[in-house]
Amino acid sequence: QRELVATITNGGNTNYADSVKGRFTISRD
């Protein structure tokens, strides 16, 4: 199934799946 990897709010707050924490970084411009 499709799974969540990471999210970022309009204010820049981020959230990660446990499997990618410390390895992946989400950002926005």
mmCIF file of all heavy atoms, coordinates in Angstrom:
data_MODEL
# 
_entry.id   MODEL 
# 
loop_
_atom_site.group_PDB 
_atom_site.id 
_atom_site.type_symbol 
_atom_site.label_atom_id 
_atom_site.label_alt_id 
_atom_site.label_comp_id 
_atom_site.label_asym_id 
_atom_site.label_entity_id 
_atom_site.label_seq_id 
_atom_site.pdbx_PDB_ins_code 
_atom_site.Cartn_x 
_atom_site.Cartn_y 
_atom_site.Cartn_z 
_atom_site.occupancy 
_atom_site.B_iso_or_equiv 
_atom_site.pdbx_formal_charge 
_atom_site.auth_seq_id 
_atom_site.auth_comp_id 
_atom_site.auth_asym_id 
_atom_site.auth_atom_id 
_atom_site.pdbx_PDB_model_num 
ATOM 1   N N   . GLN A 1 1  ? 0.833  -1.195 0.000  1.00 0.00 ? 1  GLN A N   1 
ATOM 2   C CA  . GLN A 1 1  ? 0.000  0.000  0.000  1.00 0.00 ? 1  GLN A CA  1 
ATOM 3   C C   . GLN A 1 1  ? 0.869  1.247  0.000  1.00 0.00 ? 1  GLN A C   1 
ATOM 4   O O   . GLN A 1 1  ? 2.017  1.233  0.450  1.00 0.00 ? 1  GLN A O   1 
ATOM 5   C CB  . GLN A 1 1  ? -0.897 0.000  1.247  1.00 0.00 ? 1  GLN A CB  1 
ATOM 6   C CG  . GLN A 1 1  ? -2.009 -1.040 1.207  1.00 0.00 ? 1  GLN A CG  1 
ATOM 7   C CD  . GLN A 1 1  ? -2.998 -0.882 2.348  1.00 0.00 ? 1  GLN A CD  1 
ATOM 8   O OE1 . GLN A 1 1  ? -2.656 -0.390 3.417  1.00 0.00 ? 1  GLN A OE1 1 
ATOM 9   N NE2 . GLN A 1 1  ? -4.236 -1.278 2.119  1.00 0.00 ? 1  GLN A NE2 1 
ATOM 10  N N   . ARG A 1 2  ? 0.282  2.329  -0.501 1.00 0.00 ? 2  ARG A N   1 
ATOM 11  C CA  . ARG A 1 2  ? 0.977  3.612  -0.455 1.00 0.00 ? 2  ARG A CA  1 
ATOM 12  C C   . ARG A 1 2  ? 1.114  4.037  1.006  1.00 0.00 ? 2  ARG A C   1 
ATOM 13  O O   . ARG A 1 2  ? 0.177  3.921  1.798  1.00 0.00 ? 2  ARG A O   1 
ATOM 14  C CB  . ARG A 1 2  ? 0.193  4.661  -1.242 1.00 0.00 ? 2  ARG A CB  1 
ATOM 15  C CG  . ARG A 1 2  ? 0.930  5.946  -1.500 1.00 0.00 ? 2  ARG A CG  1 
ATOM 16  C CD  . ARG A 1 2  ? 0.173  6.861  -2.448 1.00 0.00 ? 2  ARG A CD  1 
ATOM 17  N NE  . ARG A 1 2  ? 0.009  6.246  -3.769 1.00 0.00 ? 2  ARG A NE  1 
ATOM 18  C CZ  . ARG A 1 2  ? -0.456 6.889  -4.838 1.00 0.00 ? 2  ARG A CZ  1 
ATOM 19  N NH1 . ARG A 1 2  ? -0.809 8.164  -4.731 1.00 0.00 ? 2  ARG A NH1 1 
ATOM 20  N NH2 . ARG A 1 2  ? -0.579 6.272  -5.979 1.00 0.00 ? 2  ARG A NH2 1 
ATOM 21  N N   . GLU A 1 3  ? 2.299  4.540  1.345  1.00 0.00 ? 3  GLU A N   1 
ATOM 22  C CA  . GLU A 1 3  ? 2.550  4.922  2.724  1.00 0.00 ? 3  GLU A CA  1 
ATOM 23  C C   . GLU A 1 3  ? 3.125  6.329  2.801  1.00 0.00 ? 3  GLU A C   1 
ATOM 24  O O   . GLU A 1 3  ? 3.831  6.792  1.894  1.00 0.00 ? 3  GLU A O   1 
ATOM 25  C CB  . GLU A 1 3  ? 3.525  3.943  3.402  1.00 0.00 ? 3  GLU A CB  1 
ATOM 26  C CG  . GLU A 1 3  ? 4.905  3.893  2.797  1.00 0.00 ? 3  GLU A CG  1 
ATOM 27  C CD  . GLU A 1 3  ? 5.862  2.991  3.574  1.00 0.00 ? 3  GLU A CD  1 
ATOM 28  O OE1 . GLU A 1 3  ? 5.442  2.372  4.572  1.00 0.00 ? 3  GLU A OE1 1 
ATOM 29  O OE2 . GLU A 1 3  ? 7.041  2.923  3.176  1.00 0.00 ? 3  GLU A OE2 1 
ATOM 30  N N   . LEU A 1 4  ? 2.840  6.973  3.925  1.00 0.00 ? 4  LEU A N   1 
ATOM 31  C CA  . LEU A 1 4  ? 3.357  8.312  4.157  1.00 0.00 ? 4  LEU A CA  1 
ATOM 32  C C   . LEU A 1 4  ? 4.844  8.261  4.447  1.00 0.00 ? 4  LEU A C   1 
ATOM 33  O O   . LEU A 1 4  ? 5.303  7.425  5.232  1.00 0.00 ? 4  LEU A O   1 
ATOM 34  C CB  . LEU A 1 4  ? 2.625  8.946  5.342  1.00 0.00 ? 4  LEU A CB  1 
ATOM 35  C CG  . LEU A 1 4  ? 3.110  10.309 5.803  1.00 0.00 ? 4  LEU A CG  1 
ATOM 36  C CD1 . LEU A 1 4  ? 2.815  11.358 4.755  1.00 0.00 ? 4  LEU A CD1 1 
ATOM 37  C CD2 . LEU A 1 4  ? 2.467  10.684 7.130  1.00 0.00 ? 4  LEU A CD2 1 
ATOM 38  N N   . VAL A 1 5  ? 5.591  9.162  3.835  1.00 0.00 ? 5  VAL A N   1 
ATOM 39  C CA  . VAL A 1 5  ? 7.024  9.274  4.084  1.00 0.00 ? 5  VAL A CA  1 
ATOM 40  C C   . VAL A 1 5  ? 7.317  10.496 4.953  1.00 0.00 ? 5  VAL A C   1 
ATOM 41  O O   . VAL A 1 5  ? 7.993  10.401 5.973  1.00 0.00 ? 5  VAL A O   1 
ATOM 42  C CB  . VAL A 1 5  ? 7.810  9.374  2.767  1.00 0.00 ? 5  VAL A CB  1 
ATOM 43  C CG1 . VAL A 1 5  ? 9.292  9.616  3.036  1.00 0.00 ? 5  VAL A CG1 1 
ATOM 44  C CG2 . VAL A 1 5  ? 7.612  8.128  1.921  1.00 0.00 ? 5  VAL A CG2 1 
ATOM 45  N N   . ALA A 1 6  ? 6.804  11.646 4.531  1.00 0.00 ? 6  ALA A N   1 
ATOM 46  C CA  . ALA A 1 6  ? 7.080  12.883 5.267  1.00 0.00 ? 6  ALA A CA  1 
ATOM 47  C C   . ALA A 1 6  ? 6.054  13.943 4.894  1.00 0.00 ? 6  ALA A C   1 
ATOM 48  O O   . ALA A 1 6  ? 5.513  13.921 3.785  1.00 0.00 ? 6  ALA A O   1 
ATOM 49  C CB  . ALA A 1 6  ? 8.483  13.402 4.952  1.00 0.00 ? 6  ALA A CB  1 
ATOM 50  N N   . THR A 1 7  ? 5.807  14.844 5.824  1.00 0.00 ? 7  THR A N   1 
ATOM 51  C CA  . THR A 1 7  ? 4.928  15.975 5.556  1.00 0.00 ? 7  THR A CA  1 
ATOM 52  C C   . THR A 1 7  ? 5.570  17.261 6.055  1.00 0.00 ? 7  THR A C   1 
ATOM 53  O O   . THR A 1 7  ? 6.440  17.233 6.945  1.00 0.00 ? 7  THR A O   1 
ATOM 54  C CB  . THR A 1 7  ? 3.559  15.829 6.242  1.00 0.00 ? 7  THR A CB  1 
ATOM 55  O OG1 . THR A 1 7  ? 3.753  15.729 7.658  1.00 0.00 ? 7  THR A OG1 1 
ATOM 56  C CG2 . THR A 1 7  ? 2.812  14.603 5.747  1.00 0.00 ? 7  THR A CG2 1 
ATOM 57  N N   . ILE A 1 8  ? 5.133  18.373 5.475  1.00 0.00 ? 8  ILE A N   1 
ATOM 58  C CA  . ILE A 1 8  ? 5.588  19.690 5.922  1.00 0.00 ? 8  ILE A CA  1 
ATOM 59  C C   . ILE A 1 8  ? 4.408  20.643 5.874  1.00 0.00 ? 8  ILE A C   1 
ATOM 60  O O   . ILE A 1 8  ? 3.688  20.702 4.875  1.00 0.00 ? 8  ILE A O   1 
ATOM 61  C CB  . ILE A 1 8  ? 6.778  20.187 5.068  1.00 0.00 ? 8  ILE A CB  1 
ATOM 62  C CG1 . ILE A 1 8  ? 7.325  21.508 5.621  1.00 0.00 ? 8  ILE A CG1 1 
ATOM 63  C CG2 . ILE A 1 8  ? 6.415  20.303 3.583  1.00 0.00 ? 8  ILE A CG2 1 
ATOM 64  C CD1 . ILE A 1 8  ? 8.695  21.880 5.059  1.00 0.00 ? 8  ILE A CD1 1 
ATOM 65  N N   . THR A 1 9  ? 4.180  21.352 6.981  1.00 0.00 ? 9  THR A N   1 
ATOM 66  C CA  . THR A 1 9  ? 3.053  22.279 7.034  1.00 0.00 ? 9  THR A CA  1 
ATOM 67  C C   . THR A 1 9  ? 3.404  23.574 6.304  1.00 0.00 ? 9  THR A C   1 
ATOM 68  O O   . THR A 1 9  ? 4.547  23.799 5.903  1.00 0.00 ? 9  THR A O   1 
ATOM 69  C CB  . THR A 1 9  ? 2.684  22.605 8.473  1.00 0.00 ? 9  THR A CB  1 
ATOM 70  O OG1 . THR A 1 9  ? 3.756  23.357 9.068  1.00 0.00 ? 9  THR A OG1 1 
ATOM 71  C CG2 . THR A 1 9  ? 2.437  21.337 9.279  1.00 0.00 ? 9  THR A CG2 1 
ATOM 72  N N   . ASN A 1 10 ? 2.399  24.452 6.179  1.00 0.00 ? 10 ASN A N   1 
ATOM 73  C CA  . ASN A 1 10 ? 2.676  25.735 5.540  1.00 0.00 ? 10 ASN A CA  1 
ATOM 74  C C   . ASN A 1 10 ? 3.656  26.555 6.375  1.00 0.00 ? 10 ASN A C   1 
ATOM 75  O O   . ASN A 1 10 ? 4.354  27.412 5.847  1.00 0.00 ? 10 ASN A O   1 
ATOM 76  C CB  . ASN A 1 10 ? 1.380  26.505 5.290  1.00 0.00 ? 10 ASN A CB  1 
ATOM 77  C CG  . ASN A 1 10 ? 0.598  26.781 6.563  1.00 0.00 ? 10 ASN A CG  1 
ATOM 78  O OD1 . ASN A 1 10 ? 0.848  26.172 7.594  1.00 0.00 ? 10 ASN A OD1 1 
ATOM 79  N ND2 . ASN A 1 10 ? -0.373 27.672 6.479  1.00 0.00 ? 10 ASN A ND2 1 
ATOM 80  N N   . GLY A 1 11 ? 3.727  26.248 7.667  1.00 0.00 ? 11 GLY A N   1 
ATOM 81  C CA  . GLY A 1 11 ? 4.662  26.962 8.539  1.00 0.00 ? 11 GLY A CA  1 
ATOM 82  C C   . GLY A 1 11 ? 6.023  26.309 8.642  1.00 0.00 ? 11 GLY A C   1 
ATOM 83  O O   . GLY A 1 11 ? 6.902  26.815 9.356  1.00 0.00 ? 11 GLY A O   1 
ATOM 84  N N   . GLY A 1 12 ? 6.201  25.181 7.961  1.00 0.00 ? 12 GLY A N   1 
ATOM 85  C CA  . GLY A 1 12 ? 7.505  24.540 7.949  1.00 0.00 ? 12 GLY A CA  1 
ATOM 86  C C   . GLY A 1 12 ? 7.695  23.435 8.970  1.00 0.00 ? 12 GLY A C   1 
ATOM 87  O O   . GLY A 1 12 ? 8.794  22.886 9.086  1.00 0.00 ? 12 GLY A O   1 
ATOM 88  N N   . ASN A 1 13 ? 6.652  23.093 9.711  1.00 0.00 ? 13 ASN A N   1 
ATOM 89  C CA  . ASN A 1 13 ? 6.777  21.972 10.645 1.00 0.00 ? 13 ASN A CA  1 
ATOM 90  C C   . ASN A 1 13 ? 6.782  20.661 9.884  1.00 0.00 ? 13 ASN A C   1 
ATOM 91  O O   . ASN A 1 13 ? 5.991  20.479 8.955  1.00 0.00 ? 13 ASN A O   1 
ATOM 92  C CB  . ASN A 1 13 ? 5.625  21.985 11.652 1.00 0.00 ? 13 ASN A CB  1 
ATOM 93  C CG  . ASN A 1 13 ? 5.682  23.179 12.572 1.00 0.00 ? 13 ASN A CG  1 
ATOM 94  O OD1 . ASN A 1 13 ? 6.752  23.543 13.071 1.00 0.00 ? 13 ASN A OD1 1 
ATOM 95  N ND2 . ASN A 1 13 ? 4.557  23.824 12.807 1.00 0.00 ? 13 ASN A ND2 1 
ATOM 96  N N   . THR A 1 14 ? 7.651  19.753 10.280 1.00 0.00 ? 14 THR A N   1 
ATOM 97  C CA  . THR A 1 14 ? 7.825  18.511 9.548  1.00 0.00 ? 14 THR A CA  1 
ATOM 98  C C   . THR A 1 14 ? 7.476  17.296 10.392 1.00 0.00 ? 14 THR A C   1 
ATOM 99  O O   . THR A 1 14 ? 7.513  17.330 11.625 1.00 0.00 ? 14 THR A O   1 
ATOM 100 C CB  . THR A 1 14 ? 9.273  18.378 9.052  1.00 0.00 ? 14 THR A CB  1 
ATOM 101 O OG1 . THR A 1 14 ? 10.161 18.410 10.181 1.00 0.00 ? 14 THR A OG1 1 
ATOM 102 C CG2 . THR A 1 14 ? 9.624  19.498 8.097  1.00 0.00 ? 14 THR A CG2 1 
ATOM 103 N N   . ASN A 1 15 ? 7.161  16.212 9.678  1.00 0.00 ? 15 ASN A N   1 
ATOM 104 C CA  . ASN A 1 15 ? 6.844  14.937 10.318 1.00 0.00 ? 15 ASN A CA  1 
ATOM 105 C C   . ASN A 1 15 ? 7.344  13.832 9.405  1.00 0.00 ? 15 ASN A C   1 
ATOM 106 O O   . ASN A 1 15 ? 7.252  13.960 8.179  1.00 0.00 ? 15 ASN A O   1 
ATOM 107 C CB  . ASN A 1 15 ? 5.338  14.805 10.528 1.00 0.00 ? 15 ASN A CB  1 
ATOM 108 C CG  . ASN A 1 15 ? 4.982  13.545 11.288 1.00 0.00 ? 15 ASN A CG  1 
ATOM 109 O OD1 . ASN A 1 15 ? 5.487  13.303 12.374 1.00 0.00 ? 15 ASN A OD1 1 
ATOM 110 N ND2 . ASN A 1 15 ? 4.122  12.731 10.714 1.00 0.00 ? 15 ASN A ND2 1 
ATOM 111 N N   . TYR A 1 16 ? 7.895  12.771 10.002 1.00 0.00 ? 16 TYR A N   1 
ATOM 112 C CA  . TYR A 1 16 ? 8.496  11.688 9.215  1.00 0.00 ? 16 TYR A CA  1 
ATOM 113 C C   . TYR A 1 16 ? 8.014  10.323 9.670  1.00 0.00 ? 16 TYR A C   1 
ATOM 114 O O   . TYR A 1 16 ? 7.749  10.113 10.862 1.00 0.00 ? 16 TYR A O   1 
ATOM 115 C CB  . TYR A 1 16 ? 10.022 11.730 9.346  1.00 0.00 ? 16 TYR A CB  1 
ATOM 116 C CG  . TYR A 1 16 ? 10.646 12.987 8.823  1.00 0.00 ? 16 TYR A CG  1 
ATOM 117 C CD1 . TYR A 1 16 ? 10.902 14.065 9.664  1.00 0.00 ? 16 TYR A CD1 1 
ATOM 118 C CD2 . TYR A 1 16 ? 10.990 13.108 7.477  1.00 0.00 ? 16 TYR A CD2 1 
ATOM 119 C CE1 . TYR A 1 16 ? 11.466 15.233 9.182  1.00 0.00 ? 16 TYR A CE1 1 
ATOM 120 C CE2 . TYR A 1 16 ? 11.567 14.271 6.985  1.00 0.00 ? 16 TYR A CE2 1 
ATOM 121 C CZ  . TYR A 1 16 ? 11.790 15.325 7.840  1.00 0.00 ? 16 TYR A CZ  1 
ATOM 122 O OH  . TYR A 1 16 ? 12.363 16.475 7.364  1.00 0.00 ? 16 TYR A OH  1 
ATOM 123 N N   . ALA A 1 17 ? 7.955  9.401  8.734  1.00 0.00 ? 17 ALA A N   1 
ATOM 124 C CA  . ALA A 1 17 ? 7.748  8.008  9.086  1.00 0.00 ? 17 ALA A CA  1 
ATOM 125 C C   . ALA A 1 17 ? 8.974  7.527  9.857  1.00 0.00 ? 17 ALA A C   1 
ATOM 126 O O   . ALA A 1 17 ? 10.097 7.968  9.596  1.00 0.00 ? 17 ALA A O   1 
ATOM 127 C CB  . ALA A 1 17 ? 7.553  7.167  7.831  1.00 0.00 ? 17 ALA A CB  1 
ATOM 128 N N   . ASP A 1 18 ? 8.749  6.623  10.795 1.00 0.00 ? 18 ASP A N   1 
ATOM 129 C CA  . ASP A 1 18 ? 9.861  6.132  11.599 1.00 0.00 ? 18 ASP A CA  1 
ATOM 130 C C   . ASP A 1 18 ? 10.957 5.522  10.731 1.00 0.00 ? 18 ASP A C   1 
ATOM 131 O O   . ASP A 1 18 ? 12.143 5.620  11.062 1.00 0.00 ? 18 ASP A O   1 
ATOM 132 C CB  . ASP A 1 18 ? 9.362  5.087  12.594 1.00 0.00 ? 18 ASP A CB  1 
ATOM 133 C CG  . ASP A 1 18 ? 8.545  5.694  13.727 1.00 0.00 ? 18 ASP A CG  1 
ATOM 134 O OD1 . ASP A 1 18 ? 8.630  6.921  13.931 1.00 0.00 ? 18 ASP A OD1 1 
ATOM 135 O OD2 . ASP A 1 18 ? 7.816  4.941  14.398 1.00 0.00 ? 18 ASP A OD2 1 
ATOM 136 N N   . SER A 1 19 ? 10.560 4.912  9.634  1.00 0.00 ? 19 SER A N   1 
ATOM 137 C CA  . SER A 1 19 ? 11.520 4.200  8.783  1.00 0.00 ? 19 SER A CA  1 
ATOM 138 C C   . SER A 1 19 ? 12.513 5.133  8.081  1.00 0.00 ? 19 SER A C   1 
ATOM 139 O O   . SER A 1 19 ? 13.542 4.680  7.596  1.00 0.00 ? 19 SER A O   1 
ATOM 140 C CB  . SER A 1 19 ? 10.785 3.367  7.738  1.00 0.00 ? 19 SER A CB  1 
ATOM 141 O OG  . SER A 1 19 ? 9.955  4.189  6.933  1.00 0.00 ? 19 SER A OG  1 
ATOM 142 N N   . VAL A 1 20 ? 12.196 6.427  8.024  1.00 0.00 ? 20 VAL A N   1 
ATOM 143 C CA  . VAL A 1 20 ? 13.076 7.359  7.302  1.00 0.00 ? 20 VAL A CA  1 
ATOM 144 C C   . VAL A 1 20 ? 13.653 8.452  8.201  1.00 0.00 ? 20 VAL A C   1 
ATOM 145 O O   . VAL A 1 20 ? 14.473 9.249  7.740  1.00 0.00 ? 20 VAL A O   1 
ATOM 146 C CB  . VAL A 1 20 ? 12.353 8.011  6.096  1.00 0.00 ? 20 VAL A CB  1 
ATOM 147 C CG1 . VAL A 1 20 ? 11.742 6.948  5.200  1.00 0.00 ? 20 VAL A CG1 1 
ATOM 148 C CG2 . VAL A 1 20 ? 11.305 9.012  6.538  1.00 0.00 ? 20 VAL A CG2 1 
ATOM 149 N N   . LYS A 1 21 ? 13.253 8.480  9.464  1.00 0.00 ? 21 LYS A N   1 
ATOM 150 C CA  . LYS A 1 21 ? 13.760 9.513  10.370 1.00 0.00 ? 21 LYS A CA  1 
ATOM 151 C C   . LYS A 1 21 ? 15.277 9.473  10.450 1.00 0.00 ? 21 LYS A C   1 
ATOM 152 O O   . LYS A 1 21 ? 15.871 8.417  10.573 1.00 0.00 ? 21 LYS A O   1 
ATOM 153 C CB  . LYS A 1 21 ? 13.167 9.320  11.771 1.00 0.00 ? 21 LYS A CB  1 
ATOM 154 C CG  . LYS A 1 21 ? 11.760 9.857  11.924 1.00 0.00 ? 21 LYS A CG  1 
ATOM 155 C CD  . LYS A 1 21 ? 11.248 9.648  13.342 1.00 0.00 ? 21 LYS A CD  1 
ATOM 156 C CE  . LYS A 1 21 ? 9.814  10.148 13.487 1.00 0.00 ? 21 LYS A CE  1 
ATOM 157 N NZ  . LYS A 1 21 ? 9.266  9.883  14.837 1.00 0.00 ? 21 LYS A NZ  1 
ATOM 158 N N   . GLY A 1 22 ? 15.869 10.649 10.374 1.00 0.00 ? 22 GLY A N   1 
ATOM 159 C CA  . GLY A 1 22 ? 17.322 10.755 10.436 1.00 0.00 ? 22 GLY A CA  1 
ATOM 160 C C   . GLY A 1 22 ? 18.012 10.540 9.099  1.00 0.00 ? 22 GLY A C   1 
ATOM 161 O O   . GLY A 1 22 ? 19.218 10.784 8.981  1.00 0.00 ? 22 GLY A O   1 
ATOM 162 N N   . ARG A 1 23 ? 17.283 10.088 8.092  1.00 0.00 ? 23 ARG A N   1 
ATOM 163 C CA  . ARG A 1 23 ? 17.870 9.858  6.767  1.00 0.00 ? 23 ARG A CA  1 
ATOM 164 C C   . ARG A 1 23 ? 17.276 10.779 5.701  1.00 0.00 ? 23 ARG A C   1 
ATOM 165 O O   . ARG A 1 23 ? 17.964 11.189 4.771  1.00 0.00 ? 23 ARG A O   1 
ATOM 166 C CB  . ARG A 1 23 ? 17.655 8.395  6.337  1.00 0.00 ? 23 ARG A CB  1 
ATOM 167 C CG  . ARG A 1 23 ? 18.280 7.387  7.260  1.00 0.00 ? 23 ARG A CG  1 
ATOM 168 C CD  . ARG A 1 23 ? 18.212 5.978  6.667  1.00 0.00 ? 23 ARG A CD  1 
ATOM 169 N NE  . ARG A 1 23 ? 16.838 5.522  6.467  1.00 0.00 ? 23 ARG A NE  1 
ATOM 170 C CZ  . ARG A 1 23 ? 16.354 5.135  5.281  1.00 0.00 ? 23 ARG A CZ  1 
ATOM 171 N NH1 . ARG A 1 23 ? 17.116 5.163  4.212  1.00 0.00 ? 23 ARG A NH1 1 
ATOM 172 N NH2 . ARG A 1 23 ? 15.098 4.706  5.180  1.00 0.00 ? 23 ARG A NH2 1 
ATOM 173 N N   . PHE A 1 24 ? 15.992 11.073 5.830  1.00 0.00 ? 24 PHE A N   1 
ATOM 174 C CA  . PHE A 1 24 ? 15.290 11.894 4.832  1.00 0.00 ? 24 PHE A CA  1 
ATOM 175 C C   . PHE A 1 24 ? 14.966 13.263 5.423  1.00 0.00 ? 24 PHE A C   1 
ATOM 176 O O   . PHE A 1 24 ? 14.684 13.379 6.621  1.00 0.00 ? 24 PHE A O   1 
ATOM 177 C CB  . PHE A 1 24 ? 13.977 11.242 4.412  1.00 0.00 ? 24 PHE A CB  1 
ATOM 178 C CG  . PHE A 1 24 ? 14.112 9.988  3.582  1.00 0.00 ? 24 PHE A CG  1 
ATOM 179 C CD1 . PHE A 1 24 ? 15.317 9.335  3.418  1.00 0.00 ? 24 PHE A CD1 1 
ATOM 180 C CD2 . PHE A 1 24 ? 12.996 9.447  2.956  1.00 0.00 ? 24 PHE A CD2 1 
ATOM 181 C CE1 . PHE A 1 24 ? 15.434 8.182  2.657  1.00 0.00 ? 24 PHE A CE1 1 
ATOM 182 C CE2 . PHE A 1 24 ? 13.078 8.299  2.205  1.00 0.00 ? 24 PHE A CE2 1 
ATOM 183 C CZ  . PHE A 1 24 ? 14.308 7.663  2.055  1.00 0.00 ? 24 PHE A CZ  1 
ATOM 184 N N   . THR A 1 25 ? 14.952 14.274 4.563  1.00 0.00 ? 25 THR A N   1 
ATOM 185 C CA  . THR A 1 25 ? 14.588 15.623 4.978  1.00 0.00 ? 25 THR A CA  1 
ATOM 186 C C   . THR A 1 25 ? 13.643 16.231 3.948  1.00 0.00 ? 25 THR A C   1 
ATOM 187 O O   . THR A 1 25 ? 13.971 16.286 2.758  1.00 0.00 ? 25 THR A O   1 
ATOM 188 C CB  . THR A 1 25 ? 15.823 16.522 5.115  1.00 0.00 ? 25 THR A CB  1 
ATOM 189 O OG1 . THR A 1 25 ? 16.729 15.946 6.052  1.00 0.00 ? 25 THR A OG1 1 
ATOM 190 C CG2 . THR A 1 25 ? 15.424 17.909 5.595  1.00 0.00 ? 25 THR A CG2 1 
ATOM 191 N N   . ILE A 1 26 ? 12.481 16.672 4.417  1.00 0.00 ? 26 ILE A N   1 
ATOM 192 C CA  . ILE A 1 26 ? 11.531 17.358 3.552  1.00 0.00 ? 26 ILE A CA  1 
ATOM 193 C C   . ILE A 1 26 ? 11.695 18.862 3.736  1.00 0.00 ? 26 ILE A C   1 
ATOM 194 O O   . ILE A 1 26 ? 11.942 19.339 4.852  1.00 0.00 ? 26 ILE A O   1 
ATOM 195 C CB  . ILE A 1 26 ? 10.080 16.910 3.848  1.00 0.00 ? 26 ILE A CB  1 
ATOM 196 C CG1 . ILE A 1 26 ? 9.116  17.486 2.809  1.00 0.00 ? 26 ILE A CG1 1 
ATOM 197 C CG2 . ILE A 1 26 ? 9.670  17.279 5.267  1.00 0.00 ? 26 ILE A CG2 1 
ATOM 198 C CD1 . ILE A 1 26 ? 7.699  16.909 2.923  1.00 0.00 ? 26 ILE A CD1 1 
ATOM 199 N N   . SER A 1 27 ? 11.581 19.595 2.639  1.00 0.00 ? 27 SER A N   1 
ATOM 200 C CA  . SER A 1 27 ? 11.674 21.046 2.708  1.00 0.00 ? 27 SER A CA  1 
ATOM 201 C C   . SER A 1 27 ? 10.798 21.649 1.612  1.00 0.00 ? 27 SER A C   1 
ATOM 202 O O   . SER A 1 27 ? 10.344 20.937 0.717  1.00 0.00 ? 27 SER A O   1 
ATOM 203 C CB  . SER A 1 27 ? 13.125 21.519 2.557  1.00 0.00 ? 27 SER A CB  1 
ATOM 204 O OG  . SER A 1 27 ? 13.648 21.123 1.302  1.00 0.00 ? 27 SER A OG  1 
ATOM 205 N N   . ARG A 1 28 ? 10.588 22.952 1.705  1.00 0.00 ? 28 ARG A N   1 
ATOM 206 C CA  . ARG A 1 28 ? 9.754  23.614 0.709  1.00 0.00 ? 28 ARG A CA  1 
ATOM 207 C C   . ARG A 1 28 ? 10.287 25.016 0.428  1.00 0.00 ? 28 ARG A C   1 
ATOM 208 O O   . ARG A 1 28 ? 10.912 25.632 1.285  1.00 0.00 ? 28 ARG A O   1 
ATOM 209 C CB  . ARG A 1 28 ? 8.302  23.691 1.161  1.00 0.00 ? 28 ARG A CB  1 
ATOM 210 C CG  . ARG A 1 28 ? 8.039  24.535 2.379  1.00 0.00 ? 28 ARG A CG  1 
ATOM 211 C CD  . ARG A 1 28 ? 6.621  24.351 2.901  1.00 0.00 ? 28 ARG A CD  1 
ATOM 212 N NE  . ARG A 1 28 ? 5.614  24.823 1.940  1.00 0.00 ? 28 ARG A NE  1 
ATOM 213 C CZ  . ARG A 1 28 ? 4.327  24.478 2.000  1.00 0.00 ? 28 ARG A CZ  1 
ATOM 214 N NH1 . ARG A 1 28 ? 3.903  23.642 2.937  1.00 0.00 ? 28 ARG A NH1 1 
ATOM 215 N NH2 . ARG A 1 28 ? 3.479  24.965 1.122  1.00 0.00 ? 28 ARG A NH2 1 
ATOM 216 N N   . ASP A 1 29 ? 10.010 25.480 -0.775 1.00 0.00 ? 29 ASP A N   1 
ATOM 217 C CA  . ASP A 1 29 ? 10.340 26.840 -1.190 1.00 0.00 ? 29 ASP A CA  1 
ATOM 218 C C   . ASP A 1 29 ? 9.043  27.442 -1.721 1.00 0.00 ? 29 ASP A C   1 
ATOM 219 O O   . ASP A 1 29 ? 8.640  27.158 -2.854 1.00 0.00 ? 29 ASP A O   1 
ATOM 220 C CB  . ASP A 1 29 ? 11.427 26.818 -2.265 1.00 0.00 ? 29 ASP A CB  1 
ATOM 221 C CG  . ASP A 1 29 ? 11.899 28.215 -2.649 1.00 0.00 ? 29 ASP A CG  1 
ATOM 222 O OD1 . ASP A 1 29 ? 11.102 29.168 -2.571 1.00 0.00 ? 29 ASP A OD1 1 
ATOM 223 O OD2 . ASP A 1 29 ? 13.058 28.342 -3.060 1.00 0.00 ? 29 ASP A OD2 1 
# 
